[in-house]
Amino acid sequence: MTLRLILGILVGVASTVAAQEVPDLLGKWTYTVSGLEMHAQCGPSTDTGELIIERKIAARAYRGRERGERSYEKCKGANVMESSATIRFKEGDLVTVDYDEEGWEMKRLRYVDGELTGIAGGGVSSRWVRADQQGEDSGPTPQQLADLDEFLEQVRPELSATLKVEYFENLRRNLWKSGLSSEDSVQVAGVTVERMTSCMIDMMRESVMAQEIPVDQILEQQNVAVIFDPRSVDMRANTCVQDAAWNAGVPIR
């Protein structure tokens, strides 16, 4: 009788401990938000960022810091926001992120199969992936790469048009000043812009292959700004732009 009672207590204690176990959230999480309302002037927007959960402060609570960035398809630059936060594992699979900064709304996420997902209503959703898990992936599938190549070719004309607006006229003028005829200056400037475009397309694909950006994120959002925003090119630092210009034999500016 006594032995059965002791065994019963031990089983009860073990069951309670097992029920209280929660996944370890420590580490860096990267996230993407989709379904955001379109901006009247700047068009579609993209929210990306990272949450670094630094230390455990209680059995079901953590402290960390988040850095988020919102960029727009039609406007230059990005809005960067940062805040420390308390992360709590609630009952079931609910995880909350409560921010220190005023004006930041608490996020409610679900932890399922090692990932966090959030639904804010109005079609807005977010996907959070632990950074070290991303490195374990085998990379894009052949079908994803085929879809990616198709998508990049679709954005090629827009990318080329944007680069033409940014660089063509200065290239043409400098080529003409170097001694080329007006006709040849136009032709070489056009070829140079197309070389810039091809270089940037290759650069975007390489970034995906290196898994700097999840390919499913790009294909889901169908937004090239997830990888690269041509409106934010730093011509002094971008090798694609500079190499094409030097190949033409003239400076851009």
C-alpha atoms as a PDB file:
ATOM      1  CA  MET A   1       0.000   0.000   0.000  1.00  0.00           C
ATOM      2  CA  THR A   2       2.753   2.390   0.985  1.00  0.00           C
ATOM      3  CA  LEU A   3       4.779   1.473  -2.128  1.00  0.00           C
ATOM      4  CA  ARG A   4       1.775   2.063  -4.378  1.00  0.00           C
ATOM      5  CA  LEU A   5       1.185   5.435  -2.700  1.00  0.00           C
ATOM      6  CA  ILE A   6       4.828   6.493  -3.204  1.00  0.00           C
ATOM      7  CA  LEU A   7       4.737   5.403  -6.852  1.00  0.00           C
ATOM      8  CA  GLY A   8       1.514   7.323  -7.334  1.00  0.00           C
ATOM      9  CA  ILE A   9       3.035  10.487  -5.893  1.00  0.00           C
ATOM     10  CA  LEU A  10       6.140  10.143  -8.070  1.00  0.00           C
ATOM     11  CA  VAL A  11       4.046   9.676 -11.202  1.00  0.00           C
ATOM     12  CA  GLY A  12       1.961  12.708 -10.267  1.00  0.00           C
ATOM     13  CA  VAL A  13       5.043  14.853  -9.713  1.00  0.00           C
ATOM     14  CA  ALA A  14       6.590  13.706 -13.010  1.00  0.00           C
ATOM     15  CA  SER A  15       3.389  14.502 -14.876  1.00  0.00           C
ATOM     16  CA  THR A  16       3.248  17.978 -13.349  1.00  0.00           C
ATOM     17  CA  VAL A  17       6.876  18.702 -14.294  1.00  0.00           C
ATOM     18  CA  ALA A  18       6.286  17.496 -17.841  1.00  0.00           C
ATOM     19  CA  ALA A  19       3.208  19.672 -18.128  1.00  0.00           C
ATOM     20  CA  GLN A  20       5.165  22.713 -16.992  1.00  0.00           C
ATOM     21  CA  GLU A  21       8.016  22.257 -19.455  1.00  0.00           C
ATOM     22  CA  VAL A  22       8.085  24.931 -22.138  1.00  0.00           C
ATOM     23  CA  PRO A  23      10.288  25.277 -25.227  1.00  0.00           C
ATOM     24  CA  ASP A  24      13.458  27.325 -24.871  1.00  0.00           C
ATOM     25  CA  LEU A  25      13.010  30.594 -26.796  1.00  0.00           C
ATOM     26  CA  LEU A  26      16.526  31.959 -26.243  1.00  0.00           C
ATOM     27  CA  GLY A  27      18.312  33.097 -29.388  1.00  0.00           C
ATOM     28  CA  LYS A  28      17.716  35.261 -32.443  1.00  0.00           C
ATOM     29  CA  TRP A  29      14.417  35.150 -34.309  1.00  0.00           C
ATOM     30  CA  THR A  30      13.869  36.805 -37.672  1.00  0.00           C
ATOM     31  CA  TYR A  31      10.408  37.743 -38.857  1.00  0.00           C
ATOM     32  CA  THR A  32       8.430  38.982 -41.834  1.00  0.00           C
ATOM     33  CA  VAL A  33       5.014  40.614 -41.750  1.00  0.00           C
ATOM     34  CA  SER A  34       2.654  40.278 -44.712  1.00  0.00           C
ATOM     35  CA  GLY A  35      -0.788  41.622 -45.555  1.00  0.00           C
ATOM     36  CA  LEU A  36      -0.066  45.205 -44.479  1.00  0.00           C
ATOM     37  CA  GLU A  37      -2.324  47.998 -45.669  1.00  0.00           C
ATOM     38  CA  MET A  38      -1.066  49.731 -48.801  1.00  0.00           C
ATOM     39  CA  HIS A  39       0.303  53.234 -48.309  1.00  0.00           C
ATOM     40  CA  ALA A  40      -1.487  55.905 -50.363  1.00  0.00           C
ATOM     41  CA  GLN A  41       1.718  57.440 -51.771  1.00  0.00           C
ATOM     42  CA  CYS A  42       4.385  54.773 -51.235  1.00  0.00           C
ATOM     43  CA  GLY A  43       2.446  51.669 -52.229  1.00  0.00           C
ATOM     44  CA  PRO A  44       2.995  48.162 -50.760  1.00  0.00           C
ATOM     45  CA  SER A  45       5.134  47.920 -47.651  1.00  0.00           C
ATOM     46  CA  THR A  46       7.325  45.208 -46.177  1.00  0.00           C
ATOM     47  CA  ASP A  47       8.025  44.671 -42.481  1.00  0.00           C
ATOM     48  CA  THR A  48      11.085  42.639 -41.515  1.00  0.00           C
ATOM     49  CA  GLY A  49      13.202  42.460 -38.398  1.00  0.00           C
ATOM     50  CA  GLU A  50      14.733  40.402 -35.672  1.00  0.00           C
ATOM     51  CA  LEU A  51      13.962  39.651 -32.047  1.00  0.00           C
ATOM     52  CA  ILE A  52      16.956  38.675 -29.926  1.00  0.00           C
ATOM     53  CA  ILE A  53      15.821  36.870 -26.775  1.00  0.00           C
ATOM     54  CA  GLU A  54      18.817  37.339 -24.497  1.00  0.00           C
ATOM     55  CA  ARG A  55      18.052  35.918 -21.059  1.00  0.00           C
ATOM     56  CA  LYS A  56      15.483  34.027 -19.031  1.00  0.00           C
ATOM     57  CA  ILE A  57      14.046  35.979 -16.104  1.00  0.00           C
ATOM     58  CA  ALA A  58      11.462  33.440 -14.901  1.00  0.00           C
ATOM     59  CA  ALA A  59      10.260  29.936 -15.689  1.00  0.00           C
ATOM     60  CA  ARG A  60       8.096  31.231 -18.532  1.00  0.00           C
ATOM     61  CA  ALA A  61       9.459  34.719 -19.177  1.00  0.00           C
ATOM     62  CA  TYR A  62      12.397  36.229 -21.058  1.00  0.00           C
ATOM     63  CA  ARG A  63      13.943  39.601 -21.804  1.00  0.00           C
ATOM     64  CA  GLY A  64      15.098  40.618 -25.231  1.00  0.00           C
ATOM     65  CA  ARG A  65      15.229  43.378 -27.811  1.00  0.00           C
ATOM     66  CA  GLU A  66      13.626  43.812 -31.201  1.00  0.00           C
ATOM     67  CA  ARG A  67      14.700  45.759 -34.271  1.00  0.00           C
ATOM     68  CA  GLY A  68      12.159  46.188 -37.033  1.00  0.00           C
ATOM     69  CA  GLU A  69      12.304  47.834 -40.440  1.00  0.00           C
ATOM     70  CA  ARG A  70       9.470  48.939 -42.703  1.00  0.00           C
ATOM     71  CA  SER A  71      10.235  49.673 -46.352  1.00  0.00           C
ATOM     72  CA  TYR A  72       7.988  50.782 -49.199  1.00  0.00           C
ATOM     73  CA  GLU A  73       7.966  49.761 -52.827  1.00  0.00           C
ATOM     74  CA  LYS A  74       7.681  53.297 -54.214  1.00  0.00           C
ATOM     75  CA  CYS A  75       9.536  55.368 -51.615  1.00  0.00           C
ATOM     76  CA  LYS A  76      13.192  55.522 -50.695  1.00  0.00           C
ATOM     77  CA  GLY A  77      14.594  54.611 -47.333  1.00  0.00           C
ATOM     78  CA  ALA A  78      13.094  52.617 -44.486  1.00  0.00           C
ATOM     79  CA  ASN A  79      11.661  53.263 -41.039  1.00  0.00           C
ATOM     80  CA  VAL A  80      13.749  51.528 -38.372  1.00  0.00           C
ATOM     81  CA  MET A  81      12.326  50.934 -34.900  1.00  0.00           C
ATOM     82  CA  GLU A  82      13.935  49.378 -31.819  1.00  0.00           C
ATOM     83  CA  SER A  83      12.643  48.408 -28.397  1.00  0.00           C
ATOM     84  CA  SER A  84      13.442  46.135 -25.493  1.00  0.00           C
ATOM     85  CA  ALA A  85      10.715  43.665 -24.611  1.00  0.00           C
ATOM     86  CA  THR A  86       9.484  41.019 -22.208  1.00  0.00           C
ATOM     87  CA  ILE A  87       8.574  37.728 -23.835  1.00  0.00           C
ATOM     88  CA  ARG A  88       6.213  35.398 -21.970  1.00  0.00           C
ATOM     89  CA  PHE A  89       5.135  31.835 -22.699  1.00  0.00           C
ATOM     90  CA  LYS A  90       1.473  31.715 -21.718  1.00  0.00           C
ATOM     91  CA  GLU A  91      -0.839  28.729 -21.437  1.00  0.00           C
ATOM     92  CA  GLY A  92      -0.914  26.385 -24.384  1.00  0.00           C
ATOM     93  CA  ASP A  93       1.127  27.650 -27.324  1.00  0.00           C
ATOM     94  CA  LEU A  94       0.522  31.378 -26.773  1.00  0.00           C
ATOM     95  CA  VAL A  95       3.581  33.655 -26.652  1.00  0.00           C
ATOM     96  CA  THR A  96       3.336  37.394 -25.976  1.00  0.00           C
ATOM     97  CA  VAL A  97       5.911  40.093 -26.741  1.00  0.00           C
ATOM     98  CA  ASP A  98       5.354  43.146 -24.523  1.00  0.00           C
ATOM     99  CA  TYR A  99       7.466  46.168 -25.535  1.00  0.00           C
ATOM    100  CA  ASP A 100       9.046  48.841 -23.351  1.00  0.00           C
ATOM    101  CA  GLU A 101       8.631  51.627 -25.912  1.00  0.00           C
ATOM    102  CA  GLU A 102       5.392  53.616 -25.765  1.00  0.00           C
ATOM    103  CA  GLY A 103       3.113  53.167 -28.738  1.00  0.00           C
ATOM    104  CA  TRP A 104       4.262  49.615 -29.493  1.00  0.00           C
ATOM    105  CA  GLU A 105       1.343  47.205 -29.417  1.00  0.00           C
ATOM    106  CA  MET A 106       1.884  43.888 -27.654  1.00  0.00           C
ATOM    107  CA  LYS A 107       2.196  40.981 -30.091  1.00  0.00           C
ATOM    108  CA  ARG A 108       0.374  37.687 -29.581  1.00  0.00           C
ATOM    109  CA  LEU A 109       2.083  34.746 -31.268  1.00  0.00           C
ATOM    110  CA  ARG A 110       1.583  30.992 -31.502  1.00  0.00           C
ATOM    111  CA  TYR A 111       4.486  28.572 -31.048  1.00  0.00           C
ATOM    112  CA  VAL A 112       4.032  25.571 -33.341  1.00  0.00           C
ATOM    113  CA  ASP A 113       6.713  23.140 -34.548  1.00  0.00           C
ATOM    114  CA  GLY A 114       9.585  25.440 -33.626  1.00  0.00           C
ATOM    115  CA  GLU A 115       8.154  28.521 -35.345  1.00  0.00           C
ATOM    116  CA  LEU A 116       6.177  31.532 -34.164  1.00  0.00           C
ATOM    117  CA  THR A 117       3.248  32.886 -36.128  1.00  0.00           C
ATOM    118  CA  GLY A 118       1.085  35.882 -35.421  1.00  0.00           C
ATOM    119  CA  ILE A 119      -2.257  37.127 -36.688  1.00  0.00           C
ATOM    120  CA  ALA A 120      -3.139  40.749 -36.008  1.00  0.00           C
ATOM    121  CA  GLY A 121      -6.453  40.839 -37.852  1.00  0.00           C
ATOM    122  CA  GLY A 122      -7.340  42.403 -41.161  1.00  0.00           C
ATOM    123  CA  GLY A 123      -5.302  39.820 -43.025  1.00  0.00           C
ATOM    124  CA  VAL A 124      -2.022  40.873 -41.393  1.00  0.00           C
ATOM    125  CA  SER A 125       0.134  37.912 -40.378  1.00  0.00           C
ATOM    126  CA  SER A 126       3.728  37.349 -39.314  1.00  0.00           C
ATOM    127  CA  ARG A 127       6.164  34.446 -39.413  1.00  0.00           C
ATOM    128  CA  TRP A 128       9.053  34.196 -36.961  1.00  0.00           C
ATOM    129  CA  VAL A 129      11.897  31.725 -37.499  1.00  0.00           C
ATOM    130  CA  ARG A 130      14.808  31.011 -35.212  1.00  0.00           C
ATOM    131  CA  ALA A 131      17.954  32.158 -37.016  1.00  0.00           C
ATOM    132  CA  ASP A 132      20.023  29.073 -36.184  1.00  0.00           C
ATOM    133  CA  GLN A 133      17.278  26.869 -37.634  1.00  0.00           C
ATOM    134  CA  GLN A 134      17.480  28.721 -40.939  1.00  0.00           C
ATOM    135  CA  GLY A 135      21.082  27.592 -41.300  1.00  0.00           C
ATOM    136  CA  GLU A 136      19.979  23.954 -40.973  1.00  0.00           C
ATOM    137  CA  ASP A 137      17.778  24.134 -44.037  1.00  0.00           C
ATOM    138  CA  SER A 138      19.008  22.361 -47.117  1.00  0.00           C
ATOM    139  CA  GLY A 139      18.388  25.456 -49.203  1.00  0.00           C
ATOM    140  CA  PRO A 140      15.837  26.274 -51.890  1.00  0.00           C
ATOM    141  CA  THR A 141      14.287  23.369 -53.773  1.00  0.00           C
ATOM    142  CA  PRO A 142      14.705  23.107 -57.556  1.00  0.00           C
ATOM    143  CA  GLN A 143      11.093  24.204 -58.003  1.00  0.00           C
ATOM    144  CA  GLN A 144      11.613  27.217 -55.734  1.00  0.00           C
ATOM    145  CA  LEU A 145      14.692  28.223 -57.719  1.00  0.00           C
ATOM    146  CA  ALA A 146      12.750  27.902 -60.971  1.00  0.00           C
ATOM    147  CA  ASP A 147       9.955  30.046 -59.524  1.00  0.00           C
ATOM    148  CA  LEU A 148      12.526  32.545 -58.244  1.00  0.00           C
ATOM    149  CA  ASP A 149      14.174  32.846 -61.671  1.00  0.00           C
ATOM    150  CA  GLU A 150      10.772  33.400 -63.256  1.00  0.00           C
ATOM    151  CA  PHE A 151       9.953  36.094 -60.700  1.00  0.00           C
ATOM    152  CA  LEU A 152      13.298  37.866 -61.151  1.00  0.00           C
ATOM    153  CA  GLU A 153      12.804  37.963 -64.915  1.00  0.00           C
ATOM    154  CA  GLN A 154       9.386  39.523 -64.351  1.00  0.00           C
ATOM    155  CA  VAL A 155      10.913  42.330 -62.282  1.00  0.00           C
ATOM    156  CA  ARG A 156      13.823  42.860 -64.670  1.00  0.00           C
ATOM    157  CA  PRO A 157      11.986  45.512 -66.794  1.00  0.00           C
ATOM    158  CA  GLU A 158      11.007  47.535 -63.702  1.00  0.00           C
ATOM    159  CA  LEU A 159      14.516  47.286 -62.285  1.00  0.00           C
ATOM    160  CA  SER A 160      16.028  48.336 -65.613  1.00  0.00           C
ATOM    161  CA  ALA A 161      13.629  51.279 -65.910  1.00  0.00           C
ATOM    162  CA  THR A 162      14.490  52.460 -62.401  1.00  0.00           C
ATOM    163  CA  LEU A 163      18.220  52.261 -63.051  1.00  0.00           C
ATOM    164  CA  LYS A 164      17.762  54.062 -66.371  1.00  0.00           C
ATOM    165  CA  VAL A 165      16.042  56.972 -64.667  1.00  0.00           C
ATOM    166  CA  GLU A 166      18.813  57.076 -62.058  1.00  0.00           C
ATOM    167  CA  TYR A 167      21.926  56.717 -64.229  1.00  0.00           C
ATOM    168  CA  PHE A 168      21.294  56.842 -67.991  1.00  0.00           C
ATOM    169  CA  GLU A 169      21.449  60.582 -68.576  1.00  0.00           C
ATOM    170  CA  ASN A 170      24.657  61.110 -66.587  1.00  0.00           C
ATOM    171  CA  LEU A 171      26.279  58.158 -68.326  1.00  0.00           C
ATOM    172  CA  ARG A 172      25.241  59.463 -71.752  1.00  0.00           C
ATOM    173  CA  ARG A 173      26.547  62.946 -70.975  1.00  0.00           C
ATOM    174  CA  ASN A 174      29.916  61.700 -69.682  1.00  0.00           C
ATOM    175  CA  LEU A 175      30.322  59.341 -72.622  1.00  0.00           C
ATOM    176  CA  TRP A 176      29.657  62.221 -75.023  1.00  0.00           C
ATOM    177  CA  LYS A 177      32.188  64.380 -73.177  1.00  0.00           C
ATOM    178  CA  SER A 178      34.749  61.577 -73.529  1.00  0.00           C
ATOM    179  CA  GLY A 179      34.577  61.903 -77.319  1.00  0.00           C
ATOM    180  CA  LEU A 180      31.838  59.490 -78.430  1.00  0.00           C
ATOM    181  CA  SER A 181      29.220  60.656 -80.887  1.00  0.00           C
ATOM    182  CA  SER A 182      25.703  61.392 -79.640  1.00  0.00           C
ATOM    183  CA  GLU A 183      24.422  58.149 -81.175  1.00  0.00           C
ATOM    184  CA  ASP A 184      27.213  56.012 -79.705  1.00  0.00           C
ATOM    185  CA  SER A 185      26.823  57.684 -76.310  1.00  0.00           C
ATOM    186  CA  VAL A 186      23.153  56.715 -76.179  1.00  0.00           C
ATOM    187  CA  GLN A 187      23.937  53.143 -77.242  1.00  0.00           C
ATOM    188  CA  VAL A 188      26.765  52.607 -74.731  1.00  0.00           C
ATOM    189  CA  ALA A 189      24.764  54.200 -71.900  1.00  0.00           C
ATOM    190  CA  GLY A 190      21.868  51.828 -72.653  1.00  0.00           C
ATOM    191  CA  VAL A 191      24.136  48.782 -72.687  1.00  0.00           C
ATOM    192  CA  THR A 192      25.702  49.901 -69.406  1.00  0.00           C
ATOM    193  CA  VAL A 193      22.321  50.175 -67.692  1.00  0.00           C
ATOM    194  CA  GLU A 194      21.406  46.670 -68.898  1.00  0.00           C
ATOM    195  CA  ARG A 195      24.692  45.365 -67.479  1.00  0.00           C
ATOM    196  CA  MET A 196      23.831  46.972 -64.158  1.00  0.00           C
ATOM    197  CA  THR A 197      20.435  45.274 -64.276  1.00  0.00           C
ATOM    198  CA  SER A 198      21.856  41.829 -65.037  1.00  0.00           C
ATOM    199  CA  CYS A 199      24.463  42.205 -62.310  1.00  0.00           C
ATOM    200  CA  MET A 200      21.835  43.108 -59.727  1.00  0.00           C
ATOM    201  CA  ILE A 201      19.585  40.223 -60.790  1.00  0.00           C
ATOM    202  CA  ASP A 202      22.549  37.874 -60.237  1.00  0.00           C
ATOM    203  CA  MET A 203      23.301  39.541 -56.910  1.00  0.00           C
ATOM    204  CA  MET A 204      19.730  39.020 -55.713  1.00  0.00           C
ATOM    205  CA  ARG A 205      19.757  35.355 -56.705  1.00  0.00           C
ATOM    206  CA  GLU A 206      23.088  34.811 -54.912  1.00  0.00           C
ATOM    207  CA  SER A 207      21.653  36.383 -51.752  1.00  0.00           C
ATOM    208  CA  VAL A 208      18.805  33.889 -51.828  1.00  0.00           C
ATOM    209  CA  MET A 209      21.159  30.967 -52.511  1.00  0.00           C
ATOM    210  CA  ALA A 210      23.204  32.001 -49.486  1.00  0.00           C
ATOM    211  CA  GLN A 211      19.903  31.914 -47.552  1.00  0.00           C
ATOM    212  CA  GLU A 212      20.283  35.522 -46.462  1.00  0.00           C
ATOM    213  CA  ILE A 213      16.621  35.870 -47.480  1.00  0.00           C
ATOM    214  CA  PRO A 214      14.211  32.885 -47.337  1.00  0.00           C
ATOM    215  CA  VAL A 215      13.075  32.099 -50.889  1.00  0.00           C
ATOM    216  CA  ASP A 216       9.542  31.279 -49.769  1.00  0.00           C
ATOM    217  CA  GLN A 217       9.270  34.788 -48.319  1.00  0.00           C
ATOM    218  CA  ILE A 218      10.089  36.347 -51.692  1.00  0.00           C
ATOM    219  CA  LEU A 219       7.763  34.089 -53.650  1.00  0.00           C
ATOM    220  CA  GLU A 220       4.933  34.625 -51.167  1.00  0.00           C
ATOM    221  CA  GLN A 221       5.151  38.415 -51.195  1.00  0.00           C
ATOM    222  CA  GLN A 222       6.123  38.768 -54.865  1.00  0.00           C
ATOM    223  CA  ASN A 223       8.040  41.889 -53.899  1.00  0.00           C
ATOM    224  CA  VAL A 224      11.576  42.448 -55.151  1.00  0.00           C
ATOM    225  CA  ALA A 225      12.127  45.022 -52.378  1.00  0.00           C
ATOM    226  CA  VAL A 226      12.407  42.067 -49.964  1.00  0.00           C
ATOM    227  CA  ILE A 227      15.800  41.362 -51.567  1.00  0.00           C
ATOM    228  CA  PHE A 228      16.800  44.708 -52.981  1.00  0.00           C
ATOM    229  CA  ASP A 229      15.328  48.169 -53.397  1.00  0.00           C
ATOM    230  CA  PRO A 230      16.860  49.850 -56.478  1.00  0.00           C
ATOM    231  CA  ARG A 231      15.686  53.224 -55.199  1.00  0.00           C
ATOM    232  CA  SER A 232      18.057  52.901 -52.254  1.00  0.00           C
ATOM    233  CA  VAL A 233      21.198  52.044 -54.228  1.00  0.00           C
ATOM    234  CA  ASP A 234      24.362  53.625 -52.851  1.00  0.00           C
ATOM    235  CA  MET A 235      26.248  54.101 -56.108  1.00  0.00           C
ATOM    236  CA  ARG A 236      29.506  54.700 -54.239  1.00  0.00           C
ATOM    237  CA  ALA A 237      29.321  51.288 -52.580  1.00  0.00           C
ATOM    238  CA  ASN A 238      27.402  49.082 -54.997  1.00  0.00           C
ATOM    239  CA  THR A 239      29.824  46.969 -57.014  1.00  0.00           C
ATOM    240  CA  CYS A 240      27.285  46.222 -59.757  1.00  0.00           C
ATOM    241  CA  VAL A 241      26.863  49.900 -60.538  1.00  0.00           C
ATOM    242  CA  GLN A 242      30.537  50.792 -60.294  1.00  0.00           C
ATOM    243  CA  ASP A 243      31.799  47.828 -62.318  1.00  0.00           C
ATOM    244  CA  ALA A 244      29.390  48.584 -65.152  1.00  0.00           C
ATOM    245  CA  ALA A 245      30.402  52.247 -65.139  1.00  0.00           C
ATOM    246  CA  TRP A 246      34.123  51.476 -65.202  1.00  0.00           C
ATOM    247  CA  ASN A 247      33.514  49.022 -68.016  1.00  0.00           C
ATOM    248  CA  ALA A 248      31.962  51.893 -69.947  1.00  0.00           C
ATOM    249  CA  GLY A 249      35.073  53.932 -69.144  1.00  0.00           C
ATOM    250  CA  VAL A 250      33.347  56.874 -67.458  1.00  0.00           C
ATOM    251  CA  PRO A 251      32.280  57.906 -63.970  1.00  0.00           C
ATOM    252  CA  ILE A 252      28.571  57.905 -63.184  1.00  0.00           C
ATOM    253  CA  ARG A 253      28.530  61.397 -61.685  1.00  0.00           C
END
